Amino acid sequence: MRGVIHHIEMNVANLEKSRQFWLPFLTALDYEIYQEWSSGFSMKLDDTYLVFVQTEDNYLSPSFHRKHNGLNHLAFHVASRQELDHWRNWIHELNLKELYPQQYPYAGGQDYQALYFEDPDRLKIELVYQEV
């Protein structure tokens, strides 16, 4: 267990929008609701959990951008290329912004299959399929 990430906590601009995005997304990746309180919630897979907390009003500006200092993106494994295609359809149904669509699924290189998109706060999300 040494070195395994215990949790990641993210402040979000709109908790309800984030919940509407993250809850079905992470549930489909086998995460479960771990904690809930008035200003946040967390979801857990095995021993690692992700925490989403409403940003205090005083700190809503400037808004998040992944190119600034700090977190750039989160990447999650998926089981197959078909699952990548499923998620691509899902983000289009929700009118989420796909990143690098013209290079899908090889935006990370010819030997790397991935889908990139943004969450409600414009955090880049990456789904990766690696053949074994």
C-alpha atoms as a PDB file:
ATOM      1  CA  MET A   1       0.000   0.000   0.000  1.00  0.00           C
ATOM      2  CA  ARG A   2       2.934   2.353   0.450  1.00  0.00           C
ATOM      3  CA  GLY A   3       2.776   5.112  -2.164  1.00  0.00           C
ATOM      4  CA  VAL A   4      -0.756   4.345  -3.384  1.00  0.00           C
ATOM      5  CA  ILE A   5      -2.866   7.510  -3.526  1.00  0.00           C
ATOM      6  CA  HIS A   6      -5.228   7.634  -0.549  1.00  0.00           C
ATOM      7  CA  HIS A   7      -7.507  10.389  -1.865  1.00  0.00           C
ATOM      8  CA  ILE A   8      -7.660  13.428  -4.115  1.00  0.00           C
ATOM      9  CA  GLU A   9      -9.797  16.397  -3.094  1.00  0.00           C
ATOM     10  CA  MET A  10     -11.077  18.853  -5.684  1.00  0.00           C
ATOM     11  CA  ASN A  11     -12.893  22.118  -5.128  1.00  0.00           C
ATOM     12  CA  VAL A  12     -15.731  22.621  -7.616  1.00  0.00           C
ATOM     13  CA  ALA A  13     -17.560  25.776  -8.737  1.00  0.00           C
ATOM     14  CA  ASN A  14     -21.025  24.186  -8.705  1.00  0.00           C
ATOM     15  CA  LEU A  15     -21.461  21.134  -6.489  1.00  0.00           C
ATOM     16  CA  GLU A  16     -24.767  20.053  -8.041  1.00  0.00           C
ATOM     17  CA  LYS A  17     -23.402  20.214 -11.625  1.00  0.00           C
ATOM     18  CA  SER A  18     -20.329  18.303 -10.525  1.00  0.00           C
ATOM     19  CA  ARG A  19     -22.453  15.681  -8.779  1.00  0.00           C
ATOM     20  CA  GLN A  20     -24.582  15.248 -11.940  1.00  0.00           C
ATOM     21  CA  PHE A  21     -21.400  14.626 -13.938  1.00  0.00           C
ATOM     22  CA  TRP A  22     -19.181  12.680 -11.549  1.00  0.00           C
ATOM     23  CA  LEU A  23     -21.753  10.400  -9.910  1.00  0.00           C
ATOM     24  CA  PRO A  24     -22.821   8.493 -13.078  1.00  0.00           C
ATOM     25  CA  PHE A  25     -19.322   8.660 -14.561  1.00  0.00           C
ATOM     26  CA  LEU A  26     -17.556   7.194 -11.541  1.00  0.00           C
ATOM     27  CA  THR A  27     -20.360   4.739 -10.782  1.00  0.00           C
ATOM     28  CA  ALA A  28     -19.894   3.292 -14.281  1.00  0.00           C
ATOM     29  CA  LEU A  29     -16.189   2.877 -13.444  1.00  0.00           C
ATOM     30  CA  ASP A  30     -17.140   0.877 -10.303  1.00  0.00           C
ATOM     31  CA  TYR A  31     -16.714   3.668  -7.749  1.00  0.00           C
ATOM     32  CA  GLU A  32     -19.260   3.877  -4.941  1.00  0.00           C
ATOM     33  CA  ILE A  33     -20.531   6.800  -2.893  1.00  0.00           C
ATOM     34  CA  TYR A  34     -18.271   6.931   0.150  1.00  0.00           C
ATOM     35  CA  GLN A  35     -19.230  10.123   2.014  1.00  0.00           C
ATOM     36  CA  GLU A  36     -21.861  12.846   1.617  1.00  0.00           C
ATOM     37  CA  TRP A  37     -22.298  16.144   3.455  1.00  0.00           C
ATOM     38  CA  SER A  38     -23.906  19.506   2.697  1.00  0.00           C
ATOM     39  CA  SER A  39     -20.914  20.952   0.847  1.00  0.00           C
ATOM     40  CA  GLY A  40     -19.455  17.856  -0.741  1.00  0.00           C
ATOM     41  CA  PHE A  41     -19.312  14.158  -1.466  1.00  0.00           C
ATOM     42  CA  SER A  42     -16.724  11.497  -2.143  1.00  0.00           C
ATOM     43  CA  MET A  43     -16.591   8.327  -4.209  1.00  0.00           C
ATOM     44  CA  LYS A  44     -14.350   5.359  -3.532  1.00  0.00           C
ATOM     45  CA  LEU A  45     -12.802   2.508  -5.504  1.00  0.00           C
ATOM     46  CA  ASP A  46     -10.818   0.009  -3.451  1.00  0.00           C
ATOM     47  CA  ASP A  47      -8.688   2.096  -1.071  1.00  0.00           C
ATOM     48  CA  THR A  48      -8.637   5.338  -3.076  1.00  0.00           C
ATOM     49  CA  TYR A  49     -11.337   7.967  -3.061  1.00  0.00           C
ATOM     50  CA  LEU A  50     -12.091  11.211  -4.874  1.00  0.00           C
ATOM     51  CA  VAL A  51     -13.567  14.132  -2.937  1.00  0.00           C
ATOM     52  CA  PHE A  52     -15.613  16.980  -4.443  1.00  0.00           C
ATOM     53  CA  VAL A  53     -16.174  20.078  -2.304  1.00  0.00           C
ATOM     54  CA  GLN A  54     -18.088  23.262  -3.123  1.00  0.00           C
ATOM     55  CA  THR A  55     -15.612  26.133  -3.544  1.00  0.00           C
ATOM     56  CA  GLU A  56     -16.235  28.963  -1.103  1.00  0.00           C
ATOM     57  CA  ASP A  57     -17.648  32.092  -2.786  1.00  0.00           C
ATOM     58  CA  ASN A  58     -14.498  34.111  -1.980  1.00  0.00           C
ATOM     59  CA  TYR A  59     -12.426  31.711  -4.100  1.00  0.00           C
ATOM     60  CA  LEU A  60     -14.608  31.220  -7.188  1.00  0.00           C
ATOM     61  CA  SER A  61     -12.586  33.730  -9.196  1.00  0.00           C
ATOM     62  CA  PRO A  62     -10.364  33.251 -11.083  1.00  0.00           C
ATOM     63  CA  SER A  63     -11.876  30.051 -12.399  1.00  0.00           C
ATOM     64  CA  PHE A  64      -9.900  26.843 -12.852  1.00  0.00           C
ATOM     65  CA  HIS A  65      -7.803  26.244 -15.937  1.00  0.00           C
ATOM     66  CA  ARG A  66      -5.703  23.115 -16.361  1.00  0.00           C
ATOM     67  CA  LYS A  67      -2.858  25.059 -17.989  1.00  0.00           C
ATOM     68  CA  HIS A  68      -2.234  27.076 -14.806  1.00  0.00           C
ATOM     69  CA  ASN A  69      -0.069  25.732 -11.996  1.00  0.00           C
ATOM     70  CA  GLY A  70      -1.630  22.725 -10.319  1.00  0.00           C
ATOM     71  CA  LEU A  71      -3.615  19.737 -11.475  1.00  0.00           C
ATOM     72  CA  ASN A  72      -3.801  19.227 -15.240  1.00  0.00           C
ATOM     73  CA  HIS A  73      -5.938  16.099 -15.601  1.00  0.00           C
ATOM     74  CA  LEU A  74      -7.126  12.802 -14.164  1.00  0.00           C
ATOM     75  CA  ALA A  75      -6.694   9.584 -16.164  1.00  0.00           C
ATOM     76  CA  PHE A  76      -8.712   6.397 -15.693  1.00  0.00           C
ATOM     77  CA  HIS A  77      -8.246   2.918 -17.181  1.00  0.00           C
ATOM     78  CA  VAL A  78     -11.007   1.352 -19.284  1.00  0.00           C
ATOM     79  CA  ALA A  79     -11.251  -2.293 -20.342  1.00  0.00           C
ATOM     80  CA  SER A  80     -11.570  -2.060 -24.133  1.00  0.00           C
ATOM     81  CA  ARG A  81     -11.575   0.098 -27.230  1.00  0.00           C
ATOM     82  CA  GLN A  82     -15.352  -0.467 -27.366  1.00  0.00           C
ATOM     83  CA  GLU A  83     -15.615   1.067 -23.910  1.00  0.00           C
ATOM     84  CA  LEU A  84     -13.734   4.135 -25.163  1.00  0.00           C
ATOM     85  CA  ASP A  85     -16.260   4.407 -28.001  1.00  0.00           C
ATOM     86  CA  HIS A  86     -19.123   4.055 -25.503  1.00  0.00           C
ATOM     87  CA  TRP A  87     -17.733   6.896 -23.384  1.00  0.00           C
ATOM     88  CA  ARG A  88     -17.254   9.037 -26.478  1.00  0.00           C
ATOM     89  CA  ASN A  89     -20.950   8.634 -27.309  1.00  0.00           C
ATOM     90  CA  TRP A  90     -21.830   9.401 -23.678  1.00  0.00           C
ATOM     91  CA  ILE A  91     -19.937  12.714 -23.607  1.00  0.00           C
ATOM     92  CA  HIS A  92     -21.540  13.751 -26.904  1.00  0.00           C
ATOM     93  CA  GLU A  93     -25.023  12.919 -25.548  1.00  0.00           C
ATOM     94  CA  LEU A  94     -24.316  15.183 -22.558  1.00  0.00           C
ATOM     95  CA  ASN A  95     -22.858  17.932 -24.777  1.00  0.00           C
ATOM     96  CA  LEU A  96     -19.546  17.780 -22.944  1.00  0.00           C
ATOM     97  CA  LYS A  97     -16.468  19.133 -24.653  1.00  0.00           C
ATOM     98  CA  GLU A  98     -14.341  16.454 -26.284  1.00  0.00           C
ATOM     99  CA  LEU A  99     -10.690  17.427 -26.553  1.00  0.00           C
ATOM    100  CA  TYR A 100      -8.639  16.545 -29.658  1.00  0.00           C
ATOM    101  CA  PRO A 101     -11.610  14.881 -31.461  1.00  0.00           C
ATOM    102  CA  GLN A 102      -9.855  14.900 -34.839  1.00  0.00           C
ATOM    103  CA  GLN A 103      -7.115  12.634 -33.424  1.00  0.00           C
ATOM    104  CA  TYR A 104      -9.372  10.188 -31.525  1.00  0.00           C
ATOM    105  CA  PRO A 105      -8.340   7.677 -30.245  1.00  0.00           C
ATOM    106  CA  TYR A 106      -4.649   8.369 -30.895  1.00  0.00           C
ATOM    107  CA  ALA A 107      -4.218  11.935 -29.584  1.00  0.00           C
ATOM    108  CA  GLY A 108      -1.649  10.562 -27.126  1.00  0.00           C
ATOM    109  CA  GLY A 109       0.312   8.817 -29.891  1.00  0.00           C
ATOM    110  CA  GLN A 110      -0.099   5.858 -32.261  1.00  0.00           C
ATOM    111  CA  ASP A 111       0.540   3.278 -29.523  1.00  0.00           C
ATOM    112  CA  TYR A 112      -1.774   4.929 -26.992  1.00  0.00           C
ATOM    113  CA  GLN A 113      -5.581   4.802 -27.193  1.00  0.00           C
ATOM    114  CA  ALA A 114      -7.409   7.429 -25.142  1.00  0.00           C
ATOM    115  CA  LEU A 115     -10.391   9.741 -24.987  1.00  0.00           C
ATOM    116  CA  TYR A 116     -10.046  13.254 -23.580  1.00  0.00           C
ATOM    117  CA  PHE A 117     -12.857  15.526 -22.406  1.00  0.00           C
ATOM    118  CA  GLU A 118     -13.686  18.140 -19.773  1.00  0.00           C
ATOM    119  CA  ASP A 119     -15.743  18.010 -16.589  1.00  0.00           C
ATOM    120  CA  PRO A 120     -18.063  20.933 -15.625  1.00  0.00           C
ATOM    121  CA  ASP A 121     -15.080  22.885 -14.217  1.00  0.00           C
ATOM    122  CA  ARG A 122     -13.003  22.243 -17.361  1.00  0.00           C
ATOM    123  CA  LEU A 123     -10.745  19.699 -15.670  1.00  0.00           C
ATOM    124  CA  LYS A 124      -9.373  17.400 -18.363  1.00  0.00           C
ATOM    125  CA  ILE A 125     -10.491  13.781 -17.987  1.00  0.00           C
ATOM    126  CA  GLU A 126      -8.641  11.035 -19.836  1.00  0.00           C
ATOM    127  CA  LEU A 127      -9.868   7.497 -20.371  1.00  0.00           C
ATOM    128  CA  VAL A 128      -7.099   5.101 -21.411  1.00  0.00           C
ATOM    129  CA  TYR A 129      -7.255   1.688 -23.017  1.00  0.00           C
ATOM    130  CA  GLN A 130      -4.014  -0.272 -23.072  1.00  0.00           C
ATOM    131  CA  GLU A 131      -3.853  -3.612 -24.842  1.00  0.00           C
ATOM    132  CA  VAL A 132      -2.191  -6.281 -22.741  1.00  0.00           C
END
